[in-house]
Amino acid sequence: MLSPSDTAYPILKESPPGRELQELFTPNLSELGFARENTRQPVPRLGLLLLLKSFQKLGYFVRLAEIPPPIALHIAKAVGWNQVPDGLSAYDASTARFRHMALVRSYMGVTPFADAARKLMLRICLASSRVREDLANIVNTAIEELVRQRYELSGFSTLFRAARAARFAINRGYYRQIYQATDALARANIATLFERDSAERRSSWDRLKSEPGQPTVKRIRAFLVHLDWLRKQAASTNPLTGIPAVKLQRFAAEARVLNVARMKELIEEKRKSDCT
């Protein structure tokens, strides 16, 4: 399964270098004023600043318990604490946290991840899946657009599932497109690839996937014969027209590793589009 570190999904480093702490997690005067205006007690004030600075880095909220200790201590020192106070441990379960989340969103000009953001994420994942195959790239495209349109990021698992579902839907559409563009003769030829005559050692499917091997005169001649046989299996028209190259590469790689038994298990449209 894809992990956040495989993508552009922002995460907090467990031990960020001092320069990063200073540049990314030091509250400025405006932020300190924002925290003072919206809290009465020191502990909730620190909690609000921890939410704000972590959100600025991530684009989504984490529990204070998930903020690495060096970051929490750096922000605590910025507001006059020599250590992270024990009283902060109750903040994650407090009503103040949810009120502060709304304040941070307003301060940052960010919209919560809700129906509109979800629809945008799905739309971008579908559009990206038409020309991309790598799930990390699809996730990254969705992240980029959510950030650009000032939406709070969802949890990573939500982005991952959306990208995976979008890619599956788009690829199934391409399988169907290829199948519908394949003529009857080509379909009949494809069907015979998965049958093996009792006198033959291997199926036509195995033969189709044969590689030329080291270039000797004998092997080159044999492969020319093989190419001529391949041309006879092809459709009279090109059913792959309009399918992006990255998708054709994926379909070919997938088909290459499947044996006859596994190919027979596939639904007809997908099996025949893999073979075309």
C-alpha atoms as a PDB file:
ATOM      1  CA  MET A   1       0.000   0.000   0.000  1.00  0.00           C
ATOM      2  CA  LEU A   2       1.112   3.524  -0.765  1.00  0.00           C
ATOM      3  CA  SER A   3       2.403   5.535   2.208  1.00  0.00           C
ATOM      4  CA  PRO A   4       2.491   9.331   2.712  1.00  0.00           C
ATOM      5  CA  SER A   5       6.272   9.321   2.295  1.00  0.00           C
ATOM      6  CA  ASP A   6       5.788   7.988  -1.253  1.00  0.00           C
ATOM      7  CA  THR A   7       3.828  11.115  -2.170  1.00  0.00           C
ATOM      8  CA  ALA A   8       3.777  14.868  -1.600  1.00  0.00           C
ATOM      9  CA  TYR A   9       1.426  14.418   1.364  1.00  0.00           C
ATOM     10  CA  PRO A  10       2.985  16.586   4.110  1.00  0.00           C
ATOM     11  CA  ILE A  11       4.093  14.982   7.367  1.00  0.00           C
ATOM     12  CA  LEU A  12       5.999  16.217  10.393  1.00  0.00           C
ATOM     13  CA  LYS A  13       9.600  15.117  10.833  1.00  0.00           C
ATOM     14  CA  GLU A  14      10.343  13.455  14.141  1.00  0.00           C
ATOM     15  CA  SER A  15      13.579  15.419  14.534  1.00  0.00           C
ATOM     16  CA  PRO A  16      13.540  18.511  12.306  1.00  0.00           C
ATOM     17  CA  PRO A  17      16.837  20.437  12.094  1.00  0.00           C
ATOM     18  CA  GLY A  18      17.174  23.679  14.025  1.00  0.00           C
ATOM     19  CA  ARG A  19      16.882  25.847  10.940  1.00  0.00           C
ATOM     20  CA  GLU A  20      13.598  24.214   9.996  1.00  0.00           C
ATOM     21  CA  LEU A  21      12.273  24.652  13.522  1.00  0.00           C
ATOM     22  CA  GLN A  22      13.170  28.324  13.403  1.00  0.00           C
ATOM     23  CA  GLU A  23      11.760  28.997   9.935  1.00  0.00           C
ATOM     24  CA  LEU A  24       8.598  26.904  10.037  1.00  0.00           C
ATOM     25  CA  PHE A  25       7.525  26.675  13.652  1.00  0.00           C
ATOM     26  CA  THR A  26       8.387  30.001  15.282  1.00  0.00           C
ATOM     27  CA  PRO A  27       5.212  32.061  15.846  1.00  0.00           C
ATOM     28  CA  ASN A  28       5.519  35.613  14.525  1.00  0.00           C
ATOM     29  CA  LEU A  29       4.058  38.697  16.215  1.00  0.00           C
ATOM     30  CA  SER A  30       0.808  38.457  14.274  1.00  0.00           C
ATOM     31  CA  GLU A  31       0.329  34.827  15.243  1.00  0.00           C
ATOM     32  CA  LEU A  32       1.157  35.522  18.895  1.00  0.00           C
ATOM     33  CA  GLY A  33      -1.412  38.312  18.856  1.00  0.00           C
ATOM     34  CA  PHE A  34      -3.972  35.993  17.257  1.00  0.00           C
ATOM     35  CA  ALA A  35      -3.444  33.463  20.042  1.00  0.00           C
ATOM     36  CA  ARG A  36      -3.702  36.088  22.803  1.00  0.00           C
ATOM     37  CA  GLU A  37      -6.910  37.524  21.366  1.00  0.00           C
ATOM     38  CA  ASN A  38      -8.621  34.138  21.280  1.00  0.00           C
ATOM     39  CA  THR A  39      -7.507  32.537  24.563  1.00  0.00           C
ATOM     40  CA  ARG A  40      -7.543  33.535  28.204  1.00  0.00           C
ATOM     41  CA  GLN A  41      -5.270  30.909  29.732  1.00  0.00           C
ATOM     42  CA  PRO A  42      -1.649  30.007  28.859  1.00  0.00           C
ATOM     43  CA  VAL A  43      -2.256  26.293  28.194  1.00  0.00           C
ATOM     44  CA  PRO A  44      -5.103  26.763  25.663  1.00  0.00           C
ATOM     45  CA  ARG A  45      -3.017  29.546  24.083  1.00  0.00           C
ATOM     46  CA  LEU A  46      -0.140  27.140  23.556  1.00  0.00           C
ATOM     47  CA  GLY A  47      -2.581  24.547  22.213  1.00  0.00           C
ATOM     48  CA  LEU A  48      -3.920  27.035  19.681  1.00  0.00           C
ATOM     49  CA  LEU A  49      -0.403  27.943  18.524  1.00  0.00           C
ATOM     50  CA  LEU A  50       0.537  24.282  18.181  1.00  0.00           C
ATOM     51  CA  LEU A  51      -2.553  23.720  16.031  1.00  0.00           C
ATOM     52  CA  LEU A  52      -1.791  26.790  13.942  1.00  0.00           C
ATOM     53  CA  LYS A  53       1.877  26.093  13.274  1.00  0.00           C
ATOM     54  CA  SER A  54       1.361  22.388  12.564  1.00  0.00           C
ATOM     55  CA  PHE A  55      -1.555  23.211  10.228  1.00  0.00           C
ATOM     56  CA  GLN A  56       0.565  25.742   8.346  1.00  0.00           C
ATOM     57  CA  LYS A  57       3.074  22.977   7.633  1.00  0.00           C
ATOM     58  CA  LEU A  58       0.603  20.181   6.926  1.00  0.00           C
ATOM     59  CA  GLY A  59      -2.627  21.646   5.614  1.00  0.00           C
ATOM     60  CA  TYR A  60      -4.583  19.334   7.951  1.00  0.00           C
ATOM     61  CA  PHE A  61      -4.984  18.985  11.705  1.00  0.00           C
ATOM     62  CA  VAL A  62      -3.202  16.474  13.897  1.00  0.00           C
ATOM     63  CA  ARG A  63      -3.670  15.790  17.568  1.00  0.00           C
ATOM     64  CA  LEU A  64      -1.154  17.567  19.771  1.00  0.00           C
ATOM     65  CA  ALA A  65      -0.026  14.155  20.993  1.00  0.00           C
ATOM     66  CA  GLU A  66       1.132  13.445  17.417  1.00  0.00           C
ATOM     67  CA  ILE A  67       3.323  16.548  17.154  1.00  0.00           C
ATOM     68  CA  PRO A  68       6.981  15.502  17.586  1.00  0.00           C
ATOM     69  CA  PRO A  69       8.419  16.655  20.954  1.00  0.00           C
ATOM     70  CA  PRO A  70      11.113  18.935  19.427  1.00  0.00           C
ATOM     71  CA  ILE A  71       8.444  20.918  17.568  1.00  0.00           C
ATOM     72  CA  ALA A  72       6.140  21.133  20.583  1.00  0.00           C
ATOM     73  CA  LEU A  73       9.015  22.258  22.842  1.00  0.00           C
ATOM     74  CA  HIS A  74      10.187  24.876  20.324  1.00  0.00           C
ATOM     75  CA  ILE A  75       6.729  26.456  20.148  1.00  0.00           C
ATOM     76  CA  ALA A  76       6.328  26.230  23.932  1.00  0.00           C
ATOM     77  CA  LYS A  77       9.600  28.119  24.425  1.00  0.00           C
ATOM     78  CA  ALA A  78       8.432  30.780  21.975  1.00  0.00           C
ATOM     79  CA  VAL A  79       5.570  31.630  24.364  1.00  0.00           C
ATOM     80  CA  GLY A  80       7.593  31.468  27.569  1.00  0.00           C
ATOM     81  CA  TRP A  81       7.509  27.828  28.667  1.00  0.00           C
ATOM     82  CA  ASN A  82      10.780  26.018  29.389  1.00  0.00           C
ATOM     83  CA  GLN A  83       9.050  22.707  28.776  1.00  0.00           C
ATOM     84  CA  VAL A  84       5.751  21.471  27.406  1.00  0.00           C
ATOM     85  CA  PRO A  85       3.278  21.789  30.320  1.00  0.00           C
ATOM     86  CA  ASP A  86       1.576  18.650  31.646  1.00  0.00           C
ATOM     87  CA  GLY A  87      -1.810  20.344  31.398  1.00  0.00           C
ATOM     88  CA  LEU A  88      -1.566  20.267  27.609  1.00  0.00           C
ATOM     89  CA  SER A  89      -2.273  16.521  27.580  1.00  0.00           C
ATOM     90  CA  ALA A  90      -5.983  17.210  28.122  1.00  0.00           C
ATOM     91  CA  TYR A  91      -6.220  19.609  25.180  1.00  0.00           C
ATOM     92  CA  ASP A  92      -6.906  17.006  22.477  1.00  0.00           C
ATOM     93  CA  ALA A  93     -10.114  15.907  24.204  1.00  0.00           C
ATOM     94  CA  SER A  94     -11.304  19.420  25.063  1.00  0.00           C
ATOM     95  CA  THR A  95     -14.016  21.482  23.382  1.00  0.00           C
ATOM     96  CA  ALA A  96     -11.427  24.234  22.993  1.00  0.00           C
ATOM     97  CA  ARG A  97      -9.625  22.177  20.351  1.00  0.00           C
ATOM     98  CA  PHE A  98     -12.638  22.138  18.012  1.00  0.00           C
ATOM     99  CA  ARG A  99     -13.264  25.840  18.525  1.00  0.00           C
ATOM    100  CA  HIS A 100      -9.587  26.537  17.840  1.00  0.00           C
ATOM    101  CA  MET A 101      -9.666  24.458  14.649  1.00  0.00           C
ATOM    102  CA  ALA A 102     -12.378  26.750  13.305  1.00  0.00           C
ATOM    103  CA  LEU A 103     -10.305  29.780  14.308  1.00  0.00           C
ATOM    104  CA  VAL A 104      -7.229  28.429  12.515  1.00  0.00           C
ATOM    105  CA  ARG A 105      -9.212  27.744   9.333  1.00  0.00           C
ATOM    106  CA  SER A 106     -10.565  31.286   9.400  1.00  0.00           C
ATOM    107  CA  TYR A 107      -7.131  32.768  10.093  1.00  0.00           C
ATOM    108  CA  MET A 108      -5.584  30.759   7.252  1.00  0.00           C
ATOM    109  CA  GLY A 109      -8.464  31.299   4.825  1.00  0.00           C
ATOM    110  CA  VAL A 110      -8.957  27.563   4.383  1.00  0.00           C
ATOM    111  CA  THR A 111     -12.228  25.695   3.811  1.00  0.00           C
ATOM    112  CA  PRO A 112     -12.830  22.447   5.750  1.00  0.00           C
ATOM    113  CA  PHE A 113     -12.625  19.171   3.874  1.00  0.00           C
ATOM    114  CA  ALA A 114     -16.308  18.436   3.272  1.00  0.00           C
ATOM    115  CA  ASP A 115     -18.604  17.639   0.307  1.00  0.00           C
ATOM    116  CA  ALA A 116     -17.227  20.290  -2.055  1.00  0.00           C
ATOM    117  CA  ALA A 117     -13.628  19.306  -1.370  1.00  0.00           C
ATOM    118  CA  ARG A 118     -14.473  15.615  -1.711  1.00  0.00           C
ATOM    119  CA  LYS A 119     -16.098  16.192  -5.098  1.00  0.00           C
ATOM    120  CA  LEU A 120     -13.084  18.183  -6.238  1.00  0.00           C
ATOM    121  CA  MET A 121     -10.727  15.444  -5.068  1.00  0.00           C
ATOM    122  CA  LEU A 122     -12.675  12.763  -6.943  1.00  0.00           C
ATOM    123  CA  ARG A 123     -12.904  14.873 -10.095  1.00  0.00           C
ATOM    124  CA  ILE A 124      -9.166  15.567 -10.089  1.00  0.00           C
ATOM    125  CA  CYS A 125      -8.325  11.919  -9.421  1.00  0.00           C
ATOM    126  CA  LEU A 126     -10.468  10.828 -12.369  1.00  0.00           C
ATOM    127  CA  ALA A 127      -8.936  13.419 -14.700  1.00  0.00           C
ATOM    128  CA  SER A 128      -5.410  12.519 -13.571  1.00  0.00           C
ATOM    129  CA  SER A 129      -6.079   8.784 -13.947  1.00  0.00           C
ATOM    130  CA  ARG A 130      -6.797   9.239 -17.648  1.00  0.00           C
ATOM    131  CA  VAL A 131      -3.170  10.082 -18.364  1.00  0.00           C
ATOM    132  CA  ARG A 132      -1.350   8.726 -15.303  1.00  0.00           C
ATOM    133  CA  GLU A 133      -0.927   5.238 -13.924  1.00  0.00           C
ATOM    134  CA  ASP A 134       1.205   5.695 -10.826  1.00  0.00           C
ATOM    135  CA  LEU A 135      -1.002   6.133  -7.758  1.00  0.00           C
ATOM    136  CA  ALA A 136       1.499   8.500  -6.130  1.00  0.00           C
ATOM    137  CA  ASN A 137       1.225  10.859  -9.115  1.00  0.00           C
ATOM    138  CA  ILE A 138      -2.569  10.757  -8.968  1.00  0.00           C
ATOM    139  CA  VAL A 139      -2.545  11.494  -5.232  1.00  0.00           C
ATOM    140  CA  ASN A 140      -0.050  14.331  -5.732  1.00  0.00           C
ATOM    141  CA  THR A 141      -2.252  15.946  -8.377  1.00  0.00           C
ATOM    142  CA  ALA A 142      -5.221  15.880  -6.000  1.00  0.00           C
ATOM    143  CA  ILE A 143      -3.128  17.347  -3.161  1.00  0.00           C
ATOM    144  CA  GLU A 144      -1.871  20.141  -5.402  1.00  0.00           C
ATOM    145  CA  GLU A 145      -5.384  21.141  -6.480  1.00  0.00           C
ATOM    146  CA  LEU A 146      -6.867  20.976  -2.970  1.00  0.00           C
ATOM    147  CA  VAL A 147      -4.090  23.236  -1.706  1.00  0.00           C
ATOM    148  CA  ARG A 148      -4.446  25.600  -4.675  1.00  0.00           C
ATOM    149  CA  GLN A 149      -8.151  26.005  -4.031  1.00  0.00           C
ATOM    150  CA  ARG A 150      -7.554  26.571  -0.310  1.00  0.00           C
ATOM    151  CA  TYR A 151      -9.149  23.389   0.999  1.00  0.00           C
ATOM    152  CA  GLU A 152      -8.035  21.551   4.101  1.00  0.00           C
ATOM    153  CA  LEU A 153      -6.434  18.230   3.173  1.00  0.00           C
ATOM    154  CA  SER A 154      -8.223  14.999   3.969  1.00  0.00           C
ATOM    155  CA  GLY A 155      -6.597  12.071   5.717  1.00  0.00           C
ATOM    156  CA  PHE A 156      -4.098  10.229   3.544  1.00  0.00           C
ATOM    157  CA  SER A 157      -6.176   7.042   3.417  1.00  0.00           C
ATOM    158  CA  THR A 158      -9.051   9.051   1.892  1.00  0.00           C
ATOM    159  CA  LEU A 159      -6.786  10.386  -0.858  1.00  0.00           C
ATOM    160  CA  PHE A 160      -5.333   6.941  -1.489  1.00  0.00           C
ATOM    161  CA  ARG A 161      -8.733   5.261  -1.802  1.00  0.00           C
ATOM    162  CA  ALA A 162      -9.980   8.009  -4.131  1.00  0.00           C
ATOM    163  CA  ALA A 163      -6.924   7.663  -6.386  1.00  0.00           C
ATOM    164  CA  ARG A 164      -7.179   3.879  -6.481  1.00  0.00           C
ATOM    165  CA  ALA A 165     -10.915   3.905  -7.223  1.00  0.00           C
ATOM    166  CA  ALA A 166     -10.472   6.543  -9.938  1.00  0.00           C
ATOM    167  CA  ARG A 167      -7.688   4.601 -11.641  1.00  0.00           C
ATOM    168  CA  PHE A 168      -9.758   1.420 -11.553  1.00  0.00           C
ATOM    169  CA  ALA A 169     -12.786   3.163 -13.083  1.00  0.00           C
ATOM    170  CA  ILE A 170     -10.741   4.824 -15.835  1.00  0.00           C
ATOM    171  CA  ASN A 171      -8.884   1.637 -16.713  1.00  0.00           C
ATOM    172  CA  ARG A 172     -12.124  -0.325 -16.900  1.00  0.00           C
ATOM    173  CA  GLY A 173     -13.414   2.315 -19.275  1.00  0.00           C
ATOM    174  CA  TYR A 174     -10.357   1.876 -21.476  1.00  0.00           C
ATOM    175  CA  TYR A 175     -10.788  -1.920 -21.413  1.00  0.00           C
ATOM    176  CA  ARG A 176     -14.359  -1.479 -22.615  1.00  0.00           C
ATOM    177  CA  GLN A 177     -13.308   1.013 -25.276  1.00  0.00           C
ATOM    178  CA  ILE A 178     -10.692  -1.386 -26.640  1.00  0.00           C
ATOM    179  CA  TYR A 179     -13.099  -4.306 -26.625  1.00  0.00           C
ATOM    180  CA  GLN A 180     -15.810  -2.382 -28.459  1.00  0.00           C
ATOM    181  CA  ALA A 181     -13.285  -1.256 -31.090  1.00  0.00           C
ATOM    182  CA  THR A 182     -12.103  -4.841 -31.746  1.00  0.00           C
ATOM    183  CA  ASP A 183     -13.669  -6.550 -34.761  1.00  0.00           C
ATOM    184  CA  ALA A 184     -15.222 -10.026 -34.721  1.00  0.00           C
ATOM    185  CA  LEU A 185     -12.290 -11.709 -36.478  1.00  0.00           C
ATOM    186  CA  ALA A 186      -9.792 -10.308 -33.993  1.00  0.00           C
ATOM    187  CA  ARG A 187     -11.994 -11.440 -31.109  1.00  0.00           C
ATOM    188  CA  ALA A 188     -12.111 -14.941 -32.549  1.00  0.00           C
ATOM    189  CA  ASN A 189      -8.329 -14.966 -32.974  1.00  0.00           C
ATOM    190  CA  ILE A 190      -7.868 -13.814 -29.403  1.00  0.00           C
ATOM    191  CA  ALA A 191     -10.149 -16.549 -28.089  1.00  0.00           C
ATOM    192  CA  THR A 192      -7.914 -19.223 -29.641  1.00  0.00           C
ATOM    193  CA  LEU A 193      -4.841 -17.897 -27.811  1.00  0.00           C
ATOM    194  CA  PHE A 194      -6.008 -19.492 -24.570  1.00  0.00           C
ATOM    195  CA  GLU A 195      -6.563 -22.955 -25.992  1.00  0.00           C
ATOM    196  CA  ARG A 196      -3.796 -25.516 -26.286  1.00  0.00           C
ATOM    197  CA  ASP A 197      -3.840 -28.422 -28.681  1.00  0.00           C
ATOM    198  CA  SER A 198      -2.939 -31.718 -27.028  1.00  0.00           C
ATOM    199  CA  ALA A 199      -0.029 -32.072 -29.434  1.00  0.00           C
ATOM    200  CA  GLU A 200       1.401 -28.667 -28.488  1.00  0.00           C
ATOM    201  CA  ARG A 201       3.748 -28.073 -25.553  1.00  0.00           C
ATOM    202  CA  ARG A 202       2.501 -24.558 -24.952  1.00  0.00           C
ATOM    203  CA  SER A 203      -0.456 -22.338 -25.779  1.00  0.00           C
ATOM    204  CA  SER A 204      -0.575 -19.604 -28.380  1.00  0.00           C
ATOM    205  CA  TRP A 205      -0.711 -17.153 -25.460  1.00  0.00           C
ATOM    206  CA  ASP A 206       2.739 -18.308 -24.356  1.00  0.00           C
ATOM    207  CA  ARG A 207       3.908 -18.139 -27.954  1.00  0.00           C
ATOM    208  CA  LEU A 208       2.617 -14.564 -28.273  1.00  0.00           C
ATOM    209  CA  LYS A 209       4.775 -13.442 -25.356  1.00  0.00           C
ATOM    210  CA  SER A 210       7.961 -14.994 -26.726  1.00  0.00           C
ATOM    211  CA  GLU A 211      11.063 -12.820 -26.726  1.00  0.00           C
ATOM    212  CA  PRO A 212      13.610 -12.945 -29.568  1.00  0.00           C
ATOM    213  CA  GLY A 213      16.530 -13.869 -27.306  1.00  0.00           C
ATOM    214  CA  GLN A 214      20.158 -13.265 -28.216  1.00  0.00           C
ATOM    215  CA  PRO A 215      20.489 -12.066 -31.842  1.00  0.00           C
ATOM    216  CA  THR A 216      21.686 -15.042 -33.853  1.00  0.00           C
ATOM    217  CA  VAL A 217      20.821 -15.655 -37.520  1.00  0.00           C
ATOM    218  CA  LYS A 218      18.601 -18.582 -36.607  1.00  0.00           C
ATOM    219  CA  ARG A 219      16.773 -16.693 -33.873  1.00  0.00           C
ATOM    220  CA  ILE A 220      16.260 -13.605 -36.035  1.00  0.00           C
ATOM    221  CA  ARG A 221      14.722 -15.747 -38.780  1.00  0.00           C
ATOM    222  CA  ALA A 222      12.484 -17.471 -36.239  1.00  0.00           C
ATOM    223  CA  PHE A 223      11.403 -14.157 -34.773  1.00  0.00           C
ATOM    224  CA  LEU A 224      10.538 -12.777 -38.219  1.00  0.00           C
ATOM    225  CA  VAL A 225       8.232 -15.760 -38.648  1.00  0.00           C
ATOM    226  CA  HIS A 226       6.821 -15.004 -35.192  1.00  0.00           C
ATOM    227  CA  LEU A 227       6.192 -11.363 -36.158  1.00  0.00           C
ATOM    228  CA  ASP A 228       4.358 -12.464 -39.291  1.00  0.00           C
ATOM    229  CA  TRP A 229       2.156 -14.712 -37.127  1.00  0.00           C
ATOM    230  CA  LEU A 230       1.512 -11.806 -34.749  1.00  0.00           C
ATOM    231  CA  ARG A 231       0.391  -9.566 -37.605  1.00  0.00           C
ATOM    232  CA  LYS A 232      -2.184 -12.176 -38.596  1.00  0.00           C
ATOM    233  CA  GLN A 233      -3.648 -12.095 -35.089  1.00  0.00           C
ATOM    234  CA  ALA A 234      -4.073  -8.318 -35.160  1.00  0.00           C
ATOM    235  CA  ALA A 235      -7.359  -6.528 -35.750  1.00  0.00           C
ATOM    236  CA  SER A 236      -8.052  -4.977 -39.138  1.00  0.00           C
ATOM    237  CA  THR A 237      -8.331  -1.567 -37.429  1.00  0.00           C
ATOM    238  CA  ASN A 238      -6.333  -0.268 -34.494  1.00  0.00           C
ATOM    239  CA  PRO A 239      -8.515  -0.571 -31.359  1.00  0.00           C
ATOM    240  CA  LEU A 240      -5.804   1.132 -29.294  1.00  0.00           C
ATOM    241  CA  THR A 241      -6.290   4.509 -30.954  1.00  0.00           C
ATOM    242  CA  GLY A 242      -6.694   7.216 -28.352  1.00  0.00           C
ATOM    243  CA  ILE A 243      -5.384   5.140 -25.430  1.00  0.00           C
ATOM    244  CA  PRO A 244      -2.499   6.982 -23.671  1.00  0.00           C
ATOM    245  CA  ALA A 245       0.900   5.321 -23.963  1.00  0.00           C
ATOM    246  CA  VAL A 246       1.265   5.014 -20.186  1.00  0.00           C
ATOM    247  CA  LYS A 247      -1.929   2.965 -20.089  1.00  0.00           C
ATOM    248  CA  LEU A 248      -0.848   0.708 -22.932  1.00  0.00           C
ATOM    249  CA  GLN A 249       2.416   0.051 -21.123  1.00  0.00           C
ATOM    250  CA  ARG A 250       0.517  -0.839 -17.954  1.00  0.00           C
ATOM    251  CA  PHE A 251      -1.901  -3.150 -19.761  1.00  0.00           C
ATOM    252  CA  ALA A 252       0.930  -4.876 -21.620  1.00  0.00           C
ATOM    253  CA  ALA A 253       2.971  -5.366 -18.450  1.00  0.00           C
ATOM    254  CA  GLU A 254      -0.059  -6.754 -16.641  1.00  0.00           C
ATOM    255  CA  ALA A 255      -0.859  -9.179 -19.451  1.00  0.00           C
ATOM    256  CA  ARG A 256       2.740 -10.320 -19.743  1.00  0.00           C
ATOM    257  CA  VAL A 257       2.832 -11.771 -16.234  1.00  0.00           C
ATOM    258  CA  LEU A 258      -0.501 -13.634 -16.489  1.00  0.00           C
ATOM    259  CA  ASN A 259      -0.645 -17.252 -17.607  1.00  0.00           C
ATOM    260  CA  VAL A 260      -3.464 -18.888 -19.555  1.00  0.00           C
ATOM    261  CA  ALA A 261      -5.350 -20.050 -16.470  1.00  0.00           C
ATOM    262  CA  ARG A 262      -5.307 -16.567 -14.953  1.00  0.00           C
ATOM    263  CA  MET A 263      -6.301 -14.924 -18.240  1.00  0.00           C
ATOM    264  CA  LYS A 264      -9.325 -17.204 -18.489  1.00  0.00           C
ATOM    265  CA  GLU A 265     -10.453 -15.993 -15.098  1.00  0.00           C
ATOM    266  CA  LEU A 266     -10.630 -12.389 -16.265  1.00  0.00           C
ATOM    267  CA  ILE A 267     -13.855 -10.915 -17.555  1.00  0.00           C
ATOM    268  CA  GLU A 268     -14.162 -11.023 -21.323  1.00  0.00           C
ATOM    269  CA  GLU A 269     -13.792  -7.310 -22.010  1.00  0.00           C
ATOM    270  CA  LYS A 270     -10.654  -6.930 -19.909  1.00  0.00           C
ATOM    271  CA  ARG A 271      -9.075 -10.149 -21.163  1.00  0.00           C
ATOM    272  CA  LYS A 272      -9.504  -9.251 -24.791  1.00  0.00           C
ATOM    273  CA  SER A 273      -8.370  -5.689 -24.369  1.00  0.00           C
ATOM    274  CA  ASP A 274      -5.199  -6.916 -22.641  1.00  0.00           C
ATOM    275  CA  CYS A 275      -4.452  -9.136 -25.616  1.00  0.00           C
ATOM    276  CA  THR A 276      -5.112  -6.672 -28.404  1.00  0.00           C
END
